[in-house]
Amino acid sequence: MSNLSHVQRVRILYKTILRLHRGLPAEIQAVGTSYVQDEFRRHKNCDEATTAIFLKEWTEYAIMLTKQLGLKGPHTAKPLGKNLKKEDLDKFRNEQMYQLYELMIAATGKTNNDGEDK
């Protein structure tokens, strides 16, 4: 895979993630796919250091999702998702924290911290 250009590697990773999302439950698939598309679009012209981190994190996500989905899909595999550690959250920029919050709202249907549903 080292003979591939940067653009080819990014495209393969992007398409792999979208393919993996086909194995997710429909409501998670829609939110996740939209988020992936947005993130890849936003990072299209980022600097080299940011690109390296971006690709590493999304590659780890693809590997984790592959393990969680298993060979027969989410019904026979491990539970989906991963808890974030406090030190991971501390690395997020405000914009990323807001995105994470929006993702939580979309995934859970909750609009505030007191547990009330939409």
N, C-alpha and C. Protein backbone atom coordinates (compact mmCIF):
# COMPACT_ATOMS: atom_id res chain seq x y z
N MET A 1 0.83 -1.19 0.00
CA MET A 1 0.00 0.00 0.00
C MET A 1 0.87 1.25 0.00
N SER A 2 2.15 1.10 0.24
CA SER A 2 3.05 2.25 0.28
C SER A 2 3.25 2.87 -1.10
N ASN A 3 2.92 2.14 -2.15
CA ASN A 3 3.05 2.69 -3.50
C ASN A 3 1.90 3.62 -3.86
N LEU A 4 0.89 3.67 -3.02
CA LEU A 4 -0.26 4.52 -3.28
C LEU A 4 0.04 5.97 -2.91
N SER A 5 -0.56 6.87 -3.64
CA SER A 5 -0.40 8.29 -3.32
C SER A 5 -1.21 8.62 -2.07
N HIS A 6 -0.94 9.77 -1.51
CA HIS A 6 -1.68 10.22 -0.32
C HIS A 6 -3.17 10.27 -0.62
N VAL A 7 -3.54 10.83 -1.75
CA VAL A 7 -4.95 10.96 -2.11
C VAL A 7 -5.60 9.58 -2.22
N GLN A 8 -4.89 8.62 -2.80
CA GLN A 8 -5.43 7.27 -2.94
C GLN A 8 -5.64 6.62 -1.57
N ARG A 9 -4.69 6.81 -0.66
CA ARG A 9 -4.82 6.24 0.68
C ARG A 9 -6.00 6.84 1.43
N VAL A 10 -6.17 8.15 1.31
CA VAL A 10 -7.30 8.82 1.96
C VAL A 10 -8.62 8.31 1.38
N ARG A 11 -8.68 8.19 0.07
CA ARG A 11 -9.90 7.72 -0.59
C ARG A 11 -10.23 6.28 -0.17
N ILE A 12 -9.23 5.42 -0.07
CA ILE A 12 -9.46 4.03 0.35
C ILE A 12 -9.99 4.01 1.79
N LEU A 13 -9.39 4.79 2.67
CA LEU A 13 -9.85 4.85 4.06
C LEU A 13 -11.29 5.35 4.13
N TYR A 14 -11.59 6.40 3.41
CA TYR A 14 -12.93 6.99 3.38
C TYR A 14 -13.97 5.97 2.91
N LYS A 15 -13.68 5.30 1.81
CA LYS A 15 -14.61 4.32 1.26
C LYS A 15 -14.75 3.10 2.17
N THR A 16 -13.66 2.72 2.83
CA THR A 16 -13.70 1.60 3.77
C THR A 16 -14.64 1.92 4.92
N ILE A 17 -14.51 3.13 5.45
CA ILE A 17 -15.38 3.53 6.58
C ILE A 17 -16.84 3.55 6.14
N LEU A 18 -17.12 4.10 4.97
CA LEU A 18 -18.50 4.14 4.50
C LEU A 18 -19.05 2.73 4.30
N ARG A 19 -18.21 1.81 3.80
CA ARG A 19 -18.63 0.42 3.64
C ARG A 19 -18.91 -0.23 4.99
N LEU A 20 -18.05 0.04 5.96
CA LEU A 20 -18.26 -0.50 7.30
C LEU A 20 -19.57 0.01 7.90
N HIS A 21 -19.89 1.25 7.62
CA HIS A 21 -21.12 1.84 8.16
C HIS A 21 -22.37 1.12 7.67
N ARG A 22 -22.28 0.41 6.55
CA ARG A 22 -23.43 -0.35 6.04
C ARG A 22 -23.84 -1.44 7.03
N GLY A 23 -22.91 -1.87 7.88
CA GLY A 23 -23.21 -2.89 8.86
C GLY A 23 -23.81 -2.37 10.15
N LEU A 24 -23.91 -1.06 10.27
CA LEU A 24 -24.48 -0.45 11.48
C LEU A 24 -26.00 -0.41 11.42
N PRO A 25 -26.65 -0.35 12.58
CA PRO A 25 -28.11 -0.13 12.57
C PRO A 25 -28.43 1.18 11.82
N ALA A 26 -29.58 1.21 11.16
CA ALA A 26 -29.93 2.32 10.26
C ALA A 26 -29.79 3.70 10.89
N GLU A 27 -30.27 3.86 12.13
CA GLU A 27 -30.24 5.19 12.75
C GLU A 27 -28.81 5.63 13.05
N ILE A 28 -27.96 4.70 13.41
CA ILE A 28 -26.55 5.04 13.67
C ILE A 28 -25.82 5.25 12.36
N GLN A 29 -26.15 4.44 11.37
CA GLN A 29 -25.51 4.54 10.06
C GLN A 29 -25.69 5.93 9.46
N ALA A 30 -26.90 6.46 9.51
CA ALA A 30 -27.18 7.77 8.91
C ALA A 30 -26.37 8.87 9.59
N VAL A 31 -26.35 8.87 10.91
CA VAL A 31 -25.61 9.89 11.66
C VAL A 31 -24.11 9.73 11.42
N GLY A 32 -23.62 8.51 11.52
CA GLY A 32 -22.20 8.25 11.36
C GLY A 32 -21.68 8.59 9.98
N THR A 33 -22.43 8.20 8.97
CA THR A 33 -22.01 8.47 7.59
C THR A 33 -21.97 9.97 7.31
N SER A 34 -22.98 10.67 7.78
CA SER A 34 -23.01 12.11 7.61
C SER A 34 -21.80 12.76 8.30
N TYR A 35 -21.49 12.29 9.50
CA TYR A 35 -20.36 12.83 10.25
C TYR A 35 -19.04 12.57 9.54
N VAL A 36 -18.87 11.36 9.03
CA VAL A 36 -17.64 11.00 8.31
C VAL A 36 -17.48 11.88 7.07
N GLN A 37 -18.53 12.02 6.31
CA GLN A 37 -18.47 12.84 5.10
C GLN A 37 -18.08 14.28 5.44
N ASP A 38 -18.68 14.82 6.48
CA ASP A 38 -18.39 16.18 6.90
C ASP A 38 -16.94 16.33 7.35
N GLU A 39 -16.47 15.39 8.16
CA GLU A 39 -15.10 15.46 8.68
C GLU A 39 -14.06 15.36 7.55
N PHE A 40 -14.25 14.45 6.62
CA PHE A 40 -13.30 14.31 5.52
C PHE A 40 -13.33 15.56 4.64
N ARG A 41 -14.51 16.13 4.43
CA ARG A 41 -14.62 17.36 3.64
C ARG A 41 -13.90 18.51 4.34
N ARG A 42 -14.08 18.63 5.66
CA ARG A 42 -13.46 19.72 6.41
C ARG A 42 -11.94 19.63 6.45
N HIS A 43 -11.42 18.43 6.41
CA HIS A 43 -9.97 18.25 6.53
C HIS A 43 -9.28 18.09 5.18
N LYS A 44 -9.98 18.40 4.13
CA LYS A 44 -9.45 18.20 2.78
C LYS A 44 -8.16 18.98 2.54
N ASN A 45 -8.05 20.17 3.10
CA ASN A 45 -6.88 21.02 2.85
C ASN A 45 -6.11 21.35 4.12
N CYS A 46 -6.07 20.43 5.07
CA CYS A 46 -5.37 20.71 6.33
C CYS A 46 -3.86 20.51 6.17
N ASP A 47 -3.12 21.00 7.15
CA ASP A 47 -1.66 20.90 7.09
C ASP A 47 -1.19 19.46 7.31
N GLU A 48 0.07 19.20 7.05
CA GLU A 48 0.62 17.85 7.09
C GLU A 48 0.53 17.21 8.48
N ALA A 49 0.80 17.97 9.53
CA ALA A 49 0.75 17.43 10.88
C ALA A 49 -0.68 17.02 11.25
N THR A 50 -1.64 17.87 10.91
CA THR A 50 -3.04 17.57 11.18
C THR A 50 -3.50 16.37 10.36
N THR A 51 -3.03 16.29 9.13
CA THR A 51 -3.38 15.17 8.26
C THR A 51 -2.92 13.85 8.86
N ALA A 52 -1.71 13.81 9.39
CA ALA A 52 -1.19 12.58 9.98
C ALA A 52 -2.05 12.13 11.16
N ILE A 53 -2.42 13.06 12.02
CA ILE A 53 -3.27 12.74 13.18
C ILE A 53 -4.65 12.29 12.70
N PHE A 54 -5.20 13.02 11.76
CA PHE A 54 -6.53 12.72 11.22
C PHE A 54 -6.57 11.30 10.66
N LEU A 55 -5.61 10.95 9.83
CA LEU A 55 -5.59 9.62 9.22
C LEU A 55 -5.35 8.52 10.24
N LYS A 56 -4.51 8.78 11.23
CA LYS A 56 -4.25 7.79 12.28
C LYS A 56 -5.53 7.50 13.05
N GLU A 57 -6.23 8.55 13.46
CA GLU A 57 -7.44 8.39 14.26
C GLU A 57 -8.55 7.69 13.47
N TRP A 58 -8.73 8.07 12.20
CA TRP A 58 -9.78 7.44 11.40
C TRP A 58 -9.42 6.00 11.05
N THR A 59 -8.14 5.71 10.89
CA THR A 59 -7.72 4.32 10.67
C THR A 59 -8.01 3.48 11.90
N GLU A 60 -7.72 4.01 13.09
CA GLU A 60 -8.03 3.31 14.33
C GLU A 60 -9.53 3.09 14.47
N TYR A 61 -10.31 4.08 14.06
CA TYR A 61 -11.78 3.94 14.09
C TYR A 61 -12.22 2.80 13.18
N ALA A 62 -11.67 2.75 11.96
CA ALA A 62 -12.05 1.70 11.01
C ALA A 62 -11.69 0.31 11.56
N ILE A 63 -10.53 0.21 12.18
CA ILE A 63 -10.11 -1.07 12.77
C ILE A 63 -11.04 -1.46 13.92
N MET A 64 -11.33 -0.50 14.80
CA MET A 64 -12.22 -0.76 15.92
C MET A 64 -13.61 -1.18 15.44
N LEU A 65 -14.14 -0.48 14.43
CA LEU A 65 -15.45 -0.81 13.91
C LEU A 65 -15.46 -2.18 13.26
N THR A 66 -14.39 -2.53 12.57
CA THR A 66 -14.28 -3.85 11.97
C THR A 66 -14.36 -4.93 13.04
N LYS A 67 -13.65 -4.73 14.14
CA LYS A 67 -13.67 -5.70 15.24
C LYS A 67 -15.04 -5.76 15.89
N GLN A 68 -15.69 -4.62 16.07
CA GLN A 68 -16.98 -4.58 16.74
C GLN A 68 -18.09 -5.20 15.88
N LEU A 69 -18.02 -4.98 14.58
CA LEU A 69 -19.06 -5.52 13.71
C LEU A 69 -18.90 -7.03 13.52
N GLY A 70 -17.68 -7.52 13.59
CA GLY A 70 -17.45 -8.95 13.42
C GLY A 70 -17.78 -9.39 12.00
N LEU A 71 -17.73 -10.68 11.80
CA LEU A 71 -17.96 -11.23 10.46
C LEU A 71 -19.43 -11.24 10.06
N LYS A 72 -20.31 -11.33 11.05
CA LYS A 72 -21.74 -11.46 10.73
C LYS A 72 -22.54 -10.22 11.09
N GLY A 73 -21.89 -9.11 11.34
CA GLY A 73 -22.61 -7.88 11.62
C GLY A 73 -22.81 -7.62 13.09
N PRO A 74 -23.47 -6.49 13.42
CA PRO A 74 -23.59 -6.05 14.81
C PRO A 74 -24.39 -6.97 15.72
N HIS A 75 -25.19 -7.85 15.17
CA HIS A 75 -26.02 -8.71 16.03
C HIS A 75 -25.21 -9.79 16.73
N THR A 76 -24.06 -10.16 16.17
CA THR A 76 -23.25 -11.23 16.77
C THR A 76 -21.91 -10.72 17.28
N ALA A 77 -21.67 -9.45 17.12
CA ALA A 77 -20.36 -8.90 17.48
C ALA A 77 -20.41 -8.23 18.86
N LYS A 78 -19.31 -7.58 19.19
CA LYS A 78 -19.20 -6.84 20.45
C LYS A 78 -20.15 -5.64 20.42
N PRO A 79 -20.46 -5.07 21.59
CA PRO A 79 -21.27 -3.85 21.61
C PRO A 79 -20.58 -2.74 20.82
N LEU A 80 -21.37 -1.92 20.15
CA LEU A 80 -20.80 -0.85 19.33
C LEU A 80 -20.39 0.33 20.20
N GLY A 81 -19.34 1.00 19.81
CA GLY A 81 -18.90 2.20 20.48
C GLY A 81 -17.73 1.97 21.41
N LYS A 82 -17.24 3.08 21.94
CA LYS A 82 -16.10 3.05 22.84
C LYS A 82 -16.21 4.26 23.75
N ASN A 83 -15.98 4.06 25.04
CA ASN A 83 -16.00 5.19 25.97
C ASN A 83 -14.73 6.01 25.81
N LEU A 84 -14.88 7.31 25.84
CA LEU A 84 -13.73 8.20 25.76
C LEU A 84 -13.17 8.45 27.15
N LYS A 85 -11.87 8.49 27.23
CA LYS A 85 -11.20 8.80 28.50
C LYS A 85 -11.16 10.32 28.67
N LYS A 86 -11.07 10.76 29.93
CA LYS A 86 -11.01 12.19 30.21
C LYS A 86 -9.83 12.84 29.50
N GLU A 87 -8.68 12.16 29.48
CA GLU A 87 -7.50 12.75 28.83
C GLU A 87 -7.71 12.87 27.31
N ASP A 88 -8.53 12.01 26.73
CA ASP A 88 -8.85 12.15 25.31
C ASP A 88 -9.74 13.37 25.09
N LEU A 89 -10.73 13.54 25.95
CA LEU A 89 -11.63 14.69 25.84
C LEU A 89 -10.88 16.01 26.03
N ASP A 90 -9.87 16.01 26.89
CA ASP A 90 -9.10 17.23 27.15
C ASP A 90 -8.34 17.70 25.90
N LYS A 91 -8.11 16.79 24.96
CA LYS A 91 -7.38 17.13 23.73
C LYS A 91 -8.28 17.77 22.68
N PHE A 92 -9.61 17.69 22.87
CA PHE A 92 -10.54 18.20 21.88
C PHE A 92 -10.60 19.72 21.90
N ARG A 93 -10.72 20.29 20.71
CA ARG A 93 -10.97 21.73 20.59
C ARG A 93 -12.46 21.96 20.88
N ASN A 94 -12.83 23.21 21.16
CA ASN A 94 -14.23 23.54 21.44
C ASN A 94 -15.15 23.08 20.32
N GLU A 95 -14.73 23.28 19.09
CA GLU A 95 -15.54 22.88 17.93
C GLU A 95 -15.77 21.36 17.94
N GLN A 96 -14.74 20.61 18.30
CA GLN A 96 -14.86 19.15 18.35
C GLN A 96 -15.78 18.71 19.49
N MET A 97 -15.71 19.40 20.62
CA MET A 97 -16.60 19.08 21.73
C MET A 97 -18.06 19.34 21.34
N TYR A 98 -18.28 20.42 20.61
CA TYR A 98 -19.63 20.72 20.15
C TYR A 98 -20.12 19.65 19.18
N GLN A 99 -19.24 19.18 18.28
CA GLN A 99 -19.61 18.11 17.35
C GLN A 99 -19.94 16.83 18.11
N LEU A 100 -19.15 16.54 19.12
CA LEU A 100 -19.38 15.35 19.93
C LEU A 100 -20.74 15.46 20.64
N TYR A 101 -21.04 16.64 21.14
CA TYR A 101 -22.33 16.88 21.80
C TYR A 101 -23.48 16.68 20.81
N GLU A 102 -23.34 17.24 19.60
CA GLU A 102 -24.37 17.07 18.57
C GLU A 102 -24.56 15.60 18.21
N LEU A 103 -23.46 14.88 18.15
CA LEU A 103 -23.51 13.45 17.85
C LEU A 103 -24.23 12.70 18.96
N MET A 104 -23.97 13.07 20.21
CA MET A 104 -24.64 12.45 21.35
C MET A 104 -26.14 12.72 21.29
N ILE A 105 -26.52 13.94 20.96
CA ILE A 105 -27.94 14.28 20.85
C ILE A 105 -28.60 13.44 19.76
N ALA A 106 -27.94 13.35 18.61
CA ALA A 106 -28.51 12.58 17.50
C ALA A 106 -28.62 11.10 17.85
N ALA A 107 -27.64 10.58 18.56
CA ALA A 107 -27.63 9.15 18.89
C ALA A 107 -28.60 8.79 20.00
N THR A 108 -28.78 9.69 20.97
CA THR A 108 -29.61 9.36 22.13
C THR A 108 -30.98 10.01 22.09
N GLY A 109 -31.12 11.08 21.32
CA GLY A 109 -32.38 11.80 21.28
C GLY A 109 -32.58 12.72 22.47
N LYS A 110 -31.54 12.89 23.28
CA LYS A 110 -31.64 13.77 24.45
C LYS A 110 -31.19 15.17 24.08
N THR A 111 -31.84 16.17 24.68
CA THR A 111 -31.54 17.54 24.35
C THR A 111 -30.83 18.29 25.46
N ASN A 112 -30.79 17.72 26.66
CA ASN A 112 -30.13 18.42 27.75
C ASN A 112 -29.54 17.40 28.71
N ASN A 113 -28.91 17.87 29.75
CA ASN A 113 -28.22 16.99 30.71
C ASN A 113 -29.09 16.42 31.79
N ASP A 114 -30.36 16.82 31.87
CA ASP A 114 -31.18 16.32 32.96
C ASP A 114 -31.95 15.05 32.60
N GLY A 115 -31.65 14.48 31.44
CA GLY A 115 -32.21 13.19 31.08
C GLY A 115 -33.56 13.24 30.37
N GLU A 116 -34.08 14.44 30.11
CA GLU A 116 -35.35 14.55 29.42
C GLU A 116 -35.15 14.24 27.95
N ASP A 117 -36.09 13.50 27.38
CA ASP A 117 -36.04 13.21 25.96
C ASP A 117 -36.60 14.38 25.16
N LYS A 118 -36.32 14.33 23.87
CA LYS A 118 -36.87 15.34 22.95
C LYS A 118 -38.35 15.29 22.96
